Amino acid sequence: QVQLVESGGGLVQAGGSLRLSCAASGRIFMINVMGWYRQAPGKQRELVASIVSGGSTNYADSVKGRFTISRDNAKNTVYLQMNSLKPEDTAVYYCNADITPFLGSSQWYDYWGQGTQVTVSS
């Protein structure tokens, strides 16, 4: 089995910064895409940022220029540096990863972390 464990959420004032981390562990041969999603109360879960194994990134328009996603492939870990935080960034942030369990497998599995709360006060 695979686990994704997030950390780094919390309460911050508007304009502040937080850094989220997500470490994947378990039966992992390769991780393709890793990403961060968020879900605010009463809203659908939305993609915040994603990064493929080669390093190419994708961001939601609402966070471009403020958030930076990165990953350490050796540690199976993805990070989200969040700067210039706004109250509208308040949400539960979820880590996501596409993982294949062993060499030669054609199966890719989608895993989610448990979520970490980010609250930005005005």
PDB file of N, CA and C in Angstrom:
ATOM      1  N   GLN A   1       0.827  -1.193   0.000  1.00  0.00           N
ATOM      2  CA  GLN A   1       0.000   0.000   0.000  1.00  0.00           C
ATOM      3  C   GLN A   1       0.863   1.244   0.000  1.00  0.00           C
ATOM      4  N   VAL A   2       0.243   2.357  -0.333  1.00  0.00           N
ATOM      5  CA  VAL A   2       0.933   3.642  -0.401  1.00  0.00           C
ATOM      6  C   VAL A   2       0.244   4.624   0.520  1.00  0.00           C
ATOM      7  N   GLN A   3       1.039   5.445   1.170  1.00  0.00           N
ATOM      8  CA  GLN A   3       0.499   6.523   2.001  1.00  0.00           C
ATOM      9  C   GLN A   3       1.098   7.843   1.564  1.00  0.00           C
ATOM     10  N   LEU A   4       0.266   8.869   1.563  1.00  0.00           N
ATOM     11  CA  LEU A   4       0.722  10.236   1.354  1.00  0.00           C
ATOM     12  C   LEU A   4       0.458  10.992   2.645  1.00  0.00           C
ATOM     13  N   VAL A   5       1.515  11.567   3.213  1.00  0.00           N
ATOM     14  CA  VAL A   5       1.389  12.263   4.486  1.00  0.00           C
ATOM     15  C   VAL A   5       1.765  13.720   4.289  1.00  0.00           C
ATOM     16  N   GLU A   6       0.794  14.588   4.537  1.00  0.00           N
ATOM     17  CA  GLU A   6       1.005  16.027   4.369  1.00  0.00           C
ATOM     18  C   GLU A   6       1.369  16.675   5.689  1.00  0.00           C
ATOM     19  N   SER A   7       2.048  17.805   5.589  1.00  0.00           N
ATOM     20  CA  SER A   7       2.374  18.601   6.763  1.00  0.00           C
ATOM     21  C   SER A   7       2.583  20.043   6.334  1.00  0.00           C
ATOM     22  N   GLY A   8       2.525  20.948   7.302  1.00  0.00           N
ATOM     23  CA  GLY A   8       2.859  22.334   7.040  1.00  0.00           C
ATOM     24  C   GLY A   8       1.700  23.305   7.020  1.00  0.00           C
ATOM     25  N   GLY A   9       0.487  22.813   7.150  1.00  0.00           N
ATOM     26  CA  GLY A   9      -0.638  23.733   7.172  1.00  0.00           C
ATOM     27  C   GLY A   9      -0.691  24.524   8.463  1.00  0.00           C
ATOM     28  N   GLY A  10      -1.619  25.475   8.530  1.00  0.00           N
ATOM     29  CA  GLY A  10      -1.762  26.263   9.741  1.00  0.00           C
ATOM     30  C   GLY A  10      -2.501  27.554   9.495  1.00  0.00           C
ATOM     31  N   LEU A  11      -2.386  28.443  10.478  1.00  0.00           N
ATOM     32  CA  LEU A  11      -3.045  29.746  10.432  1.00  0.00           C
ATOM     33  C   LEU A  11      -1.995  30.819  10.172  1.00  0.00           C
ATOM     34  N   VAL A  12      -2.282  31.682   9.221  1.00  0.00           N
ATOM     35  CA  VAL A  12      -1.344  32.740   8.866  1.00  0.00           C
ATOM     36  C   VAL A  12      -2.130  33.992   8.501  1.00  0.00           C
ATOM     37  N   GLN A  13      -1.529  35.135   8.691  1.00  0.00           N
ATOM     38  CA  GLN A  13      -2.175  36.382   8.308  1.00  0.00           C
ATOM     39  C   GLN A  13      -2.023  36.612   6.806  1.00  0.00           C
ATOM     40  N   ALA A  14      -2.921  37.371   6.267  1.00  0.00           N
ATOM     41  CA  ALA A  14      -2.838  37.720   4.851  1.00  0.00           C
ATOM     42  C   ALA A  14      -1.486  38.367   4.559  1.00  0.00           C
ATOM     43  N   GLY A  15      -0.909  37.938   3.431  1.00  0.00           N
ATOM     44  CA  GLY A  15       0.420  38.414   3.064  1.00  0.00           C
ATOM     45  C   GLY A  15       1.541  37.512   3.540  1.00  0.00           C
ATOM     46  N   GLY A  16       1.208  36.574   4.398  1.00  0.00           N
ATOM     47  CA  GLY A  16       2.211  35.672   4.941  1.00  0.00           C
ATOM     48  C   GLY A  16       2.504  34.493   4.031  1.00  0.00           C
ATOM     49  N   SER A  17       3.327  33.585   4.548  1.00  0.00           N
ATOM     50  CA  SER A  17       3.768  32.430   3.762  1.00  0.00           C
ATOM     51  C   SER A  17       3.621  31.142   4.565  1.00  0.00           C
ATOM     52  N   LEU A  18       3.422  30.062   3.830  1.00  0.00           N
ATOM     53  CA  LEU A  18       3.437  28.721   4.394  1.00  0.00           C
ATOM     54  C   LEU A  18       4.076  27.785   3.384  1.00  0.00           C
ATOM     55  N   ARG A  19       4.652  26.700   3.881  1.00  0.00           N
ATOM     56  CA  ARG A  19       5.205  25.681   3.005  1.00  0.00           C
ATOM     57  C   ARG A  19       4.606  24.327   3.372  1.00  0.00           C
ATOM     58  N   LEU A  20       3.936  23.734   2.393  1.00  0.00           N
ATOM     59  CA  LEU A  20       3.357  22.418   2.580  1.00  0.00           C
ATOM     60  C   LEU A  20       4.318  21.351   2.048  1.00  0.00           C
ATOM     61  N   SER A  21       4.309  20.219   2.733  1.00  0.00           N
ATOM     62  CA  SER A  21       5.096  19.068   2.280  1.00  0.00           C
ATOM     63  C   SER A  21       4.197  17.850   2.212  1.00  0.00           C
ATOM     64  N   CYS A  22       4.515  16.943   1.301  1.00  0.00           N
ATOM     65  CA  CYS A  22       3.773  15.689   1.179  1.00  0.00           C
ATOM     66  C   CYS A  22       4.761  14.592   0.820  1.00  0.00           C
ATOM     67  N   ALA A  23       4.880  13.610   1.706  1.00  0.00           N
ATOM     68  CA  ALA A  23       5.803  12.502   1.485  1.00  0.00           C
ATOM     69  C   ALA A  23       5.025  11.232   1.183  1.00  0.00           C
ATOM     70  N   ALA A  24       5.405  10.566   0.100  1.00  0.00           N
ATOM     71  CA  ALA A  24       4.792   9.299  -0.279  1.00  0.00           C
ATOM     72  C   ALA A  24       5.666   8.147   0.190  1.00  0.00           C
ATOM     73  N   SER A  25       5.035   7.115   0.726  1.00  0.00           N
ATOM     74  CA  SER A  25       5.778   5.953   1.197  1.00  0.00           C
ATOM     75  C   SER A  25       4.994   4.683   0.900  1.00  0.00           C
ATOM     76  N   GLY A  26       5.724   3.556   0.897  1.00  0.00           N
ATOM     77  CA  GLY A  26       5.078   2.275   0.631  1.00  0.00           C
ATOM     78  C   GLY A  26       5.613   1.651  -0.639  1.00  0.00           C
ATOM     79  N   ARG A  27       4.759   0.870  -1.291  1.00  0.00           N
ATOM     80  CA  ARG A  27       5.168   0.166  -2.503  1.00  0.00           C
ATOM     81  C   ARG A  27       5.149   1.138  -3.677  1.00  0.00           C
ATOM     82  N   ILE A  28       6.304   1.724  -3.960  1.00  0.00           N
ATOM     83  CA  ILE A  28       6.433   2.735  -5.019  1.00  0.00           C
ATOM     84  C   ILE A  28       7.622   2.400  -5.904  1.00  0.00           C
ATOM     85  N   PHE A  29       7.362   2.285  -7.197  1.00  0.00           N
ATOM     86  CA  PHE A  29       8.468   2.185  -8.145  1.00  0.00           C
ATOM     87  C   PHE A  29       8.724   3.531  -8.795  1.00  0.00           C
ATOM     88  N   MET A  30       7.638   4.164  -9.219  1.00  0.00           N
ATOM     89  CA  MET A  30       7.786   5.449  -9.893  1.00  0.00           C
ATOM     90  C   MET A  30       6.553   6.298  -9.607  1.00  0.00           C
ATOM     91  N   ILE A  31       6.772   7.594  -9.488  1.00  0.00           N
ATOM     92  CA  ILE A  31       5.676   8.555  -9.351  1.00  0.00           C
ATOM     93  C   ILE A  31       5.694   9.455 -10.570  1.00  0.00           C
ATOM     94  N   ASN A  32       4.575   9.567 -11.254  1.00  0.00           N
ATOM     95  CA  ASN A  32       4.486  10.433 -12.423  1.00  0.00           C
ATOM     96  C   ASN A  32       4.113  11.838 -11.969  1.00  0.00           C
ATOM     97  N   VAL A  33       2.859  12.145 -11.990  1.00  0.00           N
ATOM     98  CA  VAL A  33       2.418  13.480 -11.595  1.00  0.00           C
ATOM     99  C   VAL A  33       2.190  13.543 -10.087  1.00  0.00           C
ATOM    100  N   MET A  34       2.651  14.619  -9.473  1.00  0.00           N
ATOM    101  CA  MET A  34       2.309  14.932  -8.090  1.00  0.00           C
ATOM    102  C   MET A  34       1.654  16.303  -8.089  1.00  0.00           C
ATOM    103  N   GLY A  35       0.663  16.463  -7.257  1.00  0.00           N
ATOM    104  CA  GLY A  35      -0.045  17.729  -7.279  1.00  0.00           C
ATOM    105  C   GLY A  35      -0.663  18.093  -5.951  1.00  0.00           C
ATOM    106  N   TRP A  36      -1.083  19.337  -5.893  1.00  0.00           N
ATOM    107  CA  TRP A  36      -1.805  19.859  -4.735  1.00  0.00           C
ATOM    108  C   TRP A  36      -3.176  20.345  -5.212  1.00  0.00           C
ATOM    109  N   TYR A  37      -4.188  19.942  -4.477  1.00  0.00           N
ATOM    110  CA  TYR A  37      -5.551  20.384  -4.702  1.00  0.00           C
ATOM    111  C   TYR A  37      -6.026  21.068  -3.425  1.00  0.00           C
ATOM    112  N   ARG A  38      -7.108  21.826  -3.538  1.00  0.00           N
ATOM    113  CA  ARG A  38      -7.690  22.420  -2.340  1.00  0.00           C
ATOM    114  C   ARG A  38      -9.208  22.413  -2.450  1.00  0.00           C
ATOM    115  N   GLN A  39      -9.815  22.411  -1.279  1.00  0.00           N
ATOM    116  CA  GLN A  39     -11.270  22.453  -1.216  1.00  0.00           C
ATOM    117  C   GLN A  39     -11.695  23.373  -0.091  1.00  0.00           C
ATOM    118  N   ALA A  40     -12.385  24.438  -0.465  1.00  0.00           N
ATOM    119  CA  ALA A  40     -12.922  25.381   0.505  1.00  0.00           C
ATOM    120  C   ALA A  40     -14.344  24.953   0.850  1.00  0.00           C
ATOM    121  N   PRO A  41     -14.847  25.364   2.003  1.00  0.00           N
ATOM    122  CA  PRO A  41     -16.211  24.982   2.407  1.00  0.00           C
ATOM    123  C   PRO A  41     -17.234  25.374   1.344  1.00  0.00           C
ATOM    124  N   GLY A  42     -18.061  24.422   0.965  1.00  0.00           N
ATOM    125  CA  GLY A  42     -19.115  24.681   0.003  1.00  0.00           C
ATOM    126  C   GLY A  42     -18.660  24.743  -1.438  1.00  0.00           C
ATOM    127  N   LYS A  43     -17.392  24.459  -1.680  1.00  0.00           N
ATOM    128  CA  LYS A  43     -16.873  24.520  -3.050  1.00  0.00           C
ATOM    129  C   LYS A  43     -16.297  23.169  -3.468  1.00  0.00           C
ATOM    130  N   GLN A  44     -16.142  23.007  -4.766  1.00  0.00           N
ATOM    131  CA  GLN A  44     -15.558  21.783  -5.285  1.00  0.00           C
ATOM    132  C   GLN A  44     -14.045  21.798  -5.105  1.00  0.00           C
ATOM    133  N   ARG A  45     -13.489  20.595  -5.061  1.00  0.00           N
ATOM    134  CA  ARG A  45     -12.039  20.487  -4.990  1.00  0.00           C
ATOM    135  C   ARG A  45     -11.451  20.983  -6.307  1.00  0.00           C
ATOM    136  N   GLU A  46     -10.378  21.763  -6.221  1.00  0.00           N
ATOM    137  CA  GLU A  46      -9.768  22.318  -7.422  1.00  0.00           C
ATOM    138  C   GLU A  46      -8.259  22.102  -7.408  1.00  0.00           C
ATOM    139  N   LEU A  47      -7.700  21.993  -8.616  1.00  0.00           N
ATOM    140  CA  LEU A  47      -6.260  21.853  -8.753  1.00  0.00           C
ATOM    141  C   LEU A  47      -5.589  23.179  -8.423  1.00  0.00           C
ATOM    142  N   VAL A  48      -4.561  23.120  -7.603  1.00  0.00           N
ATOM    143  CA  VAL A  48      -3.758  24.295  -7.284  1.00  0.00           C
ATOM    144  C   VAL A  48      -2.499  24.311  -8.157  1.00  0.00           C
ATOM    145  N   ALA A  49      -1.769  23.189  -8.129  1.00  0.00           N
ATOM    146  CA  ALA A  49      -0.529  23.097  -8.900  1.00  0.00           C
ATOM    147  C   ALA A  49      -0.164  21.630  -9.058  1.00  0.00           C
ATOM    148  N   SER A  50       0.549  21.335 -10.142  1.00  0.00           N
ATOM    149  CA  SER A  50       1.018  19.976 -10.362  1.00  0.00           C
ATOM    150  C   SER A  50       2.407  20.012 -10.969  1.00  0.00           C
ATOM    151  N   ILE A  51       3.117  18.883 -10.814  1.00  0.00           N
ATOM    152  CA  ILE A  51       4.483  18.780 -11.334  1.00  0.00           C
ATOM    153  C   ILE A  51       4.709  17.342 -11.761  1.00  0.00           C
ATOM    154  N   VAL A  52       5.288  17.181 -12.961  1.00  0.00           N
ATOM    155  CA  VAL A  52       5.584  15.840 -13.444  1.00  0.00           C
ATOM    156  C   VAL A  52       7.007  15.458 -13.028  1.00  0.00           C
ATOM    157  N   SER A  53       7.355  14.210 -13.234  1.00  0.00           N
ATOM    158  CA  SER A  53       8.647  13.727 -12.765  1.00  0.00           C
ATOM    159  C   SER A  53       9.818  14.469 -13.385  1.00  0.00           C
ATOM    160  N   GLY A  54       9.645  14.956 -14.595  1.00  0.00           N
ATOM    161  CA  GLY A  54      10.714  15.699 -15.258  1.00  0.00           C
ATOM    162  C   GLY A  54      10.830  17.141 -14.820  1.00  0.00           C
ATOM    163  N   GLY A  55       9.839  17.611 -14.059  1.00  0.00           N
ATOM    164  CA  GLY A  55       9.926  18.948 -13.498  1.00  0.00           C
ATOM    165  C   GLY A  55       8.980  19.987 -14.085  1.00  0.00           C
ATOM    166  N   SER A  56       8.290  19.675 -15.152  1.00  0.00           N
ATOM    167  CA  SER A  56       7.344  20.642 -15.706  1.00  0.00           C
ATOM    168  C   SER A  56       6.198  20.866 -14.732  1.00  0.00           C
ATOM    169  N   THR A  57       5.771  22.116 -14.655  1.00  0.00           N
ATOM    170  CA  THR A  57       4.761  22.491 -13.668  1.00  0.00           C
ATOM    171  C   THR A  57       3.534  23.113 -14.326  1.00  0.00           C
ATOM    172  N   ASN A  58       2.450  23.099 -13.562  1.00  0.00           N
ATOM    173  CA  ASN A  58       1.195  23.693 -14.002  1.00  0.00           C
ATOM    174  C   ASN A  58       0.547  24.332 -12.788  1.00  0.00           C
ATOM    175  N   TYR A  59      -0.007  25.543 -12.968  1.00  0.00           N
ATOM    176  CA  TYR A  59      -0.609  26.267 -11.852  1.00  0.00           C
ATOM    177  C   TYR A  59      -2.001  26.762 -12.205  1.00  0.00           C
ATOM    178  N   ALA A  60      -2.848  26.829 -11.199  1.00  0.00           N
ATOM    179  CA  ALA A  60      -4.118  27.519 -11.353  1.00  0.00           C
ATOM    180  C   ALA A  60      -3.830  29.004 -11.512  1.00  0.00           C
ATOM    181  N   ASP A  61      -4.649  29.674 -12.307  1.00  0.00           N
ATOM    182  CA  ASP A  61      -4.432  31.107 -12.548  1.00  0.00           C
ATOM    183  C   ASP A  61      -4.436  31.896 -11.240  1.00  0.00           C
ATOM    184  N   SER A  62      -5.231  31.470 -10.289  1.00  0.00           N
ATOM    185  CA  SER A  62      -5.394  32.213  -9.047  1.00  0.00           C
ATOM    186  C   SER A  62      -4.138  32.202  -8.174  1.00  0.00           C
ATOM    187  N   VAL A  63      -3.209  31.281  -8.438  1.00  0.00           N
ATOM    188  CA  VAL A  63      -2.010  31.199  -7.585  1.00  0.00           C
ATOM    189  C   VAL A  63      -0.716  31.481  -8.344  1.00  0.00           C
ATOM    190  N   LYS A  64      -0.818  31.699  -9.635  1.00  0.00           N
ATOM    191  CA  LYS A  64       0.392  31.969 -10.418  1.00  0.00           C
ATOM    192  C   LYS A  64       1.126  33.195  -9.883  1.00  0.00           C
ATOM    193  N   GLY A  65       2.437  33.045  -9.749  1.00  0.00           N
ATOM    194  CA  GLY A  65       3.249  34.145  -9.240  1.00  0.00           C
ATOM    195  C   GLY A  65       3.329  34.197  -7.732  1.00  0.00           C
ATOM    196  N   ARG A  66       2.487  33.428  -7.038  1.00  0.00           N
ATOM    197  CA  ARG A  66       2.497  33.432  -5.570  1.00  0.00           C
ATOM    198  C   ARG A  66       2.922  32.066  -5.004  1.00  0.00           C
ATOM    199  N   PHE A  67       2.518  30.999  -5.665  1.00  0.00           N
ATOM    200  CA  PHE A  67       2.818  29.640  -5.194  1.00  0.00           C
ATOM    201  C   PHE A  67       3.859  28.995  -6.098  1.00  0.00           C
ATOM    202  N   THR A  68       4.684  28.158  -5.495  1.00  0.00           N
ATOM    203  CA  THR A  68       5.681  27.407  -6.243  1.00  0.00           C
ATOM    204  C   THR A  68       5.648  25.946  -5.812  1.00  0.00           C
ATOM    205  N   ILE A  69       5.478  25.064  -6.794  1.00  0.00           N
ATOM    206  CA  ILE A  69       5.499  23.634  -6.514  1.00  0.00           C
ATOM    207  C   ILE A  69       6.862  23.076  -6.892  1.00  0.00           C
ATOM    208  N   SER A  70       7.355  22.147  -6.089  1.00  0.00           N
ATOM    209  CA  SER A  70       8.628  21.495  -6.384  1.00  0.00           C
ATOM    210  C   SER A  70       8.579  20.065  -5.845  1.00  0.00           C
ATOM    211  N   ARG A  71       9.534  19.259  -6.243  1.00  0.00           N
ATOM    212  CA  ARG A  71       9.535  17.884  -5.755  1.00  0.00           C
ATOM    213  C   ARG A  71      10.957  17.378  -5.625  1.00  0.00           C
ATOM    214  N   ASP A  72      11.119  16.421  -4.732  1.00  0.00           N
ATOM    215  CA  ASP A  72      12.382  15.719  -4.547  1.00  0.00           C
ATOM    216  C   ASP A  72      12.106  14.260  -4.887  1.00  0.00           C
ATOM    217  N   ASN A  73      12.506  13.843  -6.078  1.00  0.00           N
ATOM    218  CA  ASN A  73      12.188  12.490  -6.526  1.00  0.00           C
ATOM    219  C   ASN A  73      12.857  11.420  -5.666  1.00  0.00           C
ATOM    220  N   ALA A  74      14.021  11.719  -5.146  1.00  0.00           N
ATOM    221  CA  ALA A  74      14.729  10.747  -4.306  1.00  0.00           C
ATOM    222  C   ALA A  74      13.973  10.485  -3.000  1.00  0.00           C
ATOM    223  N   LYS A  75      13.236  11.488  -2.546  1.00  0.00           N
ATOM    224  CA  LYS A  75      12.495  11.366  -1.289  1.00  0.00           C
ATOM    225  C   LYS A  75      11.005  11.136  -1.515  1.00  0.00           C
ATOM    226  N   ASN A  76      10.583  11.046  -2.777  1.00  0.00           N
ATOM    227  CA  ASN A  76       9.153  10.891  -3.093  1.00  0.00           C
ATOM    228  C   ASN A  76       8.311  11.957  -2.390  1.00  0.00           C
ATOM    229  N   THR A  77       8.789  13.170  -2.429  1.00  0.00           N
ATOM    230  CA  THR A  77       8.161  14.264  -1.696  1.00  0.00           C
ATOM    231  C   THR A  77       7.875  15.432  -2.630  1.00  0.00           C
ATOM    232  N   VAL A  78       6.722  16.048  -2.417  1.00  0.00           N
ATOM    233  CA  VAL A  78       6.346  17.239  -3.159  1.00  0.00           C
ATOM    234  C   VAL A  78       6.102  18.364  -2.170  1.00  0.00           C
ATOM    235  N   TYR A  79       6.442  19.579  -2.583  1.00  0.00           N
ATOM    236  CA  TYR A  79       6.321  20.750  -1.738  1.00  0.00           C
ATOM    237  C   TYR A  79       5.452  21.798  -2.427  1.00  0.00           C
ATOM    238  N   LEU A  80       4.852  22.647  -1.613  1.00  0.00           N
ATOM    239  CA  LEU A  80       4.122  23.795  -2.139  1.00  0.00           C
ATOM    240  C   LEU A  80       4.494  24.998  -1.286  1.00  0.00           C
ATOM    241  N   GLN A  81       5.270  25.896  -1.865  1.00  0.00           N
ATOM    242  CA  GLN A  81       5.618  27.138  -1.197  1.00  0.00           C
ATOM    243  C   GLN A  81       4.550  28.162  -1.537  1.00  0.00           C
ATOM    244  N   MET A  82       3.888  28.673  -0.512  1.00  0.00           N
ATOM    245  CA  MET A  82       2.781  29.608  -0.714  1.00  0.00           C
ATOM    246  C   MET A  82       3.167  30.950  -0.121  1.00  0.00           C
ATOM    247  N   ASN A  83       3.286  31.950  -0.978  1.00  0.00           N
ATOM    248  CA  ASN A  83       3.623  33.300  -0.551  1.00  0.00           C
ATOM    249  C   ASN A  83       2.465  34.239  -0.836  1.00  0.00           C
ATOM    250  N   SER A  84       2.512  35.407  -0.228  1.00  0.00           N
ATOM    251  CA  SER A  84       1.471  36.429  -0.439  1.00  0.00           C
ATOM    252  C   SER A  84       0.082  35.830  -0.296  1.00  0.00           C
ATOM    253  N   LEU A  85      -0.117  35.092   0.761  1.00  0.00           N
ATOM    254  CA  LEU A  85      -1.388  34.398   0.960  1.00  0.00           C
ATOM    255  C   LEU A  85      -2.543  35.361   1.141  1.00  0.00           C
ATOM    256  N   LYS A  86      -3.689  34.953   0.630  1.00  0.00           N
ATOM    257  CA  LYS A  86      -4.903  35.756   0.697  1.00  0.00           C
ATOM    258  C   LYS A  86      -5.979  34.972   1.457  1.00  0.00           C
ATOM    259  N   PRO A  87      -6.953  35.670   2.028  1.00  0.00           N
ATOM    260  CA  PRO A  87      -8.036  34.950   2.716  1.00  0.00           C
ATOM    261  C   PRO A  87      -8.727  33.923   1.815  1.00  0.00           C
ATOM    262  N   GLU A  88      -8.815  34.209   0.531  1.00  0.00           N
ATOM    263  CA  GLU A  88      -9.465  33.265  -0.394  1.00  0.00           C
ATOM    264  C   GLU A  88      -8.649  32.002  -0.645  1.00  0.00           C
ATOM    265  N   ASP A  89      -7.424  31.951  -0.127  1.00  0.00           N
ATOM    266  CA  ASP A  89      -6.630  30.724  -0.203  1.00  0.00           C
ATOM    267  C   ASP A  89      -6.995  29.746   0.919  1.00  0.00           C
ATOM    268  N   THR A  90      -7.837  30.174   1.831  1.00  0.00           N
ATOM    269  CA  THR A  90      -8.254  29.312   2.931  1.00  0.00           C
ATOM    270  C   THR A  90      -8.985  28.089   2.406  1.00  0.00           C
ATOM    271  N   ALA A  91      -8.495  26.918   2.786  1.00  0.00           N
ATOM    272  CA  ALA A  91      -9.066  25.662   2.304  1.00  0.00           C
ATOM    273  C   ALA A  91      -8.324  24.497   2.959  1.00  0.00           C
ATOM    274  N   VAL A  92      -8.853  23.312   2.747  1.00  0.00           N
ATOM    275  CA  VAL A  92      -8.097  22.099   3.049  1.00  0.00           C
ATOM    276  C   VAL A  92      -7.300  21.748   1.798  1.00  0.00           C
ATOM    277  N   TYR A  93      -6.006  21.577   1.968  1.00  0.00           N
ATOM    278  CA  TYR A  93      -5.123  21.270   0.853  1.00  0.00           C
ATOM    279  C   TYR A  93      -4.789  19.781   0.858  1.00  0.00           C
ATOM    280  N   TYR A  94      -4.956  19.167  -0.309  1.00  0.00           N
ATOM    281  CA  TYR A  94      -4.743  17.736  -0.464  1.00  0.00           C
ATOM    282  C   TYR A  94      -3.605  17.468  -1.445  1.00  0.00           C
ATOM    283  N   CYS A  95      -2.783  16.508  -1.096  1.00  0.00           N
ATOM    284  CA  CYS A  95      -1.720  16.040  -1.972  1.00  0.00           C
ATOM    285  C   CYS A  95      -2.248  14.879  -2.811  1.00  0.00           C
ATOM    286  N   ASN A  96      -1.794  14.804  -4.044  1.00  0.00           N
ATOM    287  CA  ASN A  96      -2.213  13.741  -4.954  1.00  0.00           C
ATOM    288  C   ASN A  96      -1.009  13.219  -5.718  1.00  0.00           C
ATOM    289  N   ALA A  97      -0.989  11.917  -6.003  1.00  0.00           N
ATOM    290  CA  ALA A  97       0.132  11.350  -6.755  1.00  0.00           C
ATOM    291  C   ALA A  97      -0.324  10.171  -7.596  1.00  0.00           C
ATOM    292  N   ASP A  98       0.239  10.076  -8.790  1.00  0.00           N
ATOM    293  CA  ASP A  98       0.026   8.928  -9.677  1.00  0.00           C
ATOM    294  C   ASP A  98       1.234   8.010  -9.554  1.00  0.00           C
ATOM    295  N   ILE A  99       0.996   6.776  -9.105  1.00  0.00           N
ATOM    296  CA  ILE A  99       2.095   5.901  -8.708  1.00  0.00           C
ATOM    297  C   ILE A  99       1.949   4.541  -9.370  1.00  0.00           C
ATOM    298  N   THR A 100       3.075   4.005  -9.840  1.00  0.00           N
ATOM    299  CA  THR A 100       3.102   2.628 -10.276  1.00  0.00           C
ATOM    300  C   THR A 100       3.930   1.833  -9.268  1.00  0.00           C
ATOM    301  N   PRO A 101       3.472   0.653  -8.868  1.00  0.00           N
ATOM    302  CA  PRO A 101       4.080  -0.015  -7.712  1.00  0.00           C
ATOM    303  C   PRO A 101       5.370  -0.776  -7.983  1.00  0.00           C
ATOM    304  N   PHE A 102       5.592  -1.246  -9.214  1.00  0.00           N
ATOM    305  CA  PHE A 102       6.806  -2.011  -9.446  1.00  0.00           C
ATOM    306  C   PHE A 102       7.202  -1.948 -10.906  1.00  0.00           C
ATOM    307  N   LEU A 103       8.488  -2.245 -11.163  1.00  0.00           N
ATOM    308  CA  LEU A 103       9.043  -2.236 -12.510  1.00  0.00           C
ATOM    309  C   LEU A 103       8.263  -3.195 -13.395  1.00  0.00           C
ATOM    310  N   GLY A 104       7.883  -2.723 -14.563  1.00  0.00           N
ATOM    311  CA  GLY A 104       7.168  -3.563 -15.505  1.00  0.00           C
ATOM    312  C   GLY A 104       5.664  -3.495 -15.384  1.00  0.00           C
ATOM    313  N   SER A 105       5.186  -2.850 -14.336  1.00  0.00           N
ATOM    314  CA  SER A 105       3.738  -2.729 -14.184  1.00  0.00           C
ATOM    315  C   SER A 105       3.183  -1.718 -15.167  1.00  0.00           C
ATOM    316  N   SER A 106       2.028  -2.016 -15.730  1.00  0.00           N
ATOM    317  CA  SER A 106       1.358  -1.061 -16.605  1.00  0.00           C
ATOM    318  C   SER A 106       0.245  -0.329 -15.859  1.00  0.00           C
ATOM    319  N   GLN A 107       0.125  -0.611 -14.584  1.00  0.00           N
ATOM    320  CA  GLN A 107      -0.938  -0.009 -13.788  1.00  0.00           C
ATOM    321  C   GLN A 107      -0.421   1.223 -13.048  1.00  0.00           C
ATOM    322  N   TRP A 108      -1.192   2.272 -13.116  1.00  0.00           N
ATOM    323  CA  TRP A 108      -0.928   3.487 -12.354  1.00  0.00           C
ATOM    324  C   TRP A 108      -2.108   3.720 -11.429  1.00  0.00           C
ATOM    325  N   TYR A 109      -1.800   4.076 -10.218  1.00  0.00           N
ATOM    326  CA  TYR A 109      -2.832   4.257  -9.202  1.00  0.00           C
ATOM    327  C   TYR A 109      -2.788   5.684  -8.676  1.00  0.00           C
ATOM    328  N   ASP A 110      -3.968   6.190  -8.376  1.00  0.00           N
ATOM    329  CA  ASP A 110      -4.142   7.562  -7.930  1.00  0.00           C
ATOM    330  C   ASP A 110      -4.330   7.566  -6.416  1.00  0.00           C
ATOM    331  N   TYR A 111      -3.450   8.264  -5.714  1.00  0.00           N
ATOM    332  CA  TYR A 111      -3.508   8.311  -4.255  1.00  0.00           C
ATOM    333  C   TYR A 111      -3.703   9.739  -3.761  1.00  0.00           C
ATOM    334  N   TRP A 112      -4.368   9.849  -2.593  1.00  0.00           N
ATOM    335  CA  TRP A 112      -4.632  11.146  -1.967  1.00  0.00           C
ATOM    336  C   TRP A 112      -4.131  11.141  -0.530  1.00  0.00           C
ATOM    337  N   GLY A 113      -3.653  12.303  -0.096  1.00  0.00           N
ATOM    338  CA  GLY A 113      -3.348  12.482   1.304  1.00  0.00           C
ATOM    339  C   GLY A 113      -4.609  12.785   2.092  1.00  0.00           C
ATOM    340  N   GLN A 114      -4.434  12.923   3.399  1.00  0.00           N
ATOM    341  CA  GLN A 114      -5.587  13.129   4.277  1.00  0.00           C
ATOM    342  C   GLN A 114      -6.034  14.578   4.322  1.00  0.00           C
ATOM    343  N   GLY A 115      -5.210  15.483   3.824  1.00  0.00           N
ATOM    344  CA  GLY A 115      -5.549  16.901   3.813  1.00  0.00           C
ATOM    345  C   GLY A 115      -4.938  17.651   4.973  1.00  0.00           C
ATOM    346  N   THR A 116      -4.601  18.898   4.725  1.00  0.00           N
ATOM    347  CA  THR A 116      -4.076  19.775   5.773  1.00  0.00           C
ATOM    348  C   THR A 116      -4.749  21.138   5.636  1.00  0.00           C
ATOM    349  N   GLN A 117      -5.183  21.674   6.763  1.00  0.00           N
ATOM    350  CA  GLN A 117      -5.941  22.929   6.755  1.00  0.00           C
ATOM    351  C   GLN A 117      -5.005  24.120   6.640  1.00  0.00           C
ATOM    352  N   VAL A 118      -5.346  25.008   5.730  1.00  0.00           N
ATOM    353  CA  VAL A 118      -4.667  26.304   5.606  1.00  0.00           C
ATOM    354  C   VAL A 118      -5.719  27.386   5.823  1.00  0.00           C
ATOM    355  N   THR A 119      -5.470  28.234   6.797  1.00  0.00           N
ATOM    356  CA  THR A 119      -6.396  29.323   7.099  1.00  0.00           C
ATOM    357  C   THR A 119      -5.640  30.644   7.046  1.00  0.00           C
ATOM    358  N   VAL A 120      -6.155  31.555   6.222  1.00  0.00           N
ATOM    359  CA  VAL A 120      -5.525  32.863   6.059  1.00  0.00           C
ATOM    360  C   VAL A 120      -6.477  33.911   6.606  1.00  0.00           C
ATOM    361  N   SER A 121      -6.043  34.614   7.615  1.00  0.00           N
ATOM    362  CA  SER A 121      -6.885  35.641   8.238  1.00  0.00           C
ATOM    363  C   SER A 121      -6.621  36.996   7.600  1.00  0.00           C
ATOM    364  N   SER A 122      -7.673  37.791   7.561  1.00  0.00           N
ATOM    365  CA  SER A 122      -7.550  39.116   6.922  1.00  0.00           C
ATOM    366  C   SER A 122      -7.124  40.175   7.931  1.00  0.00           C
TER     367      SER A 122
END
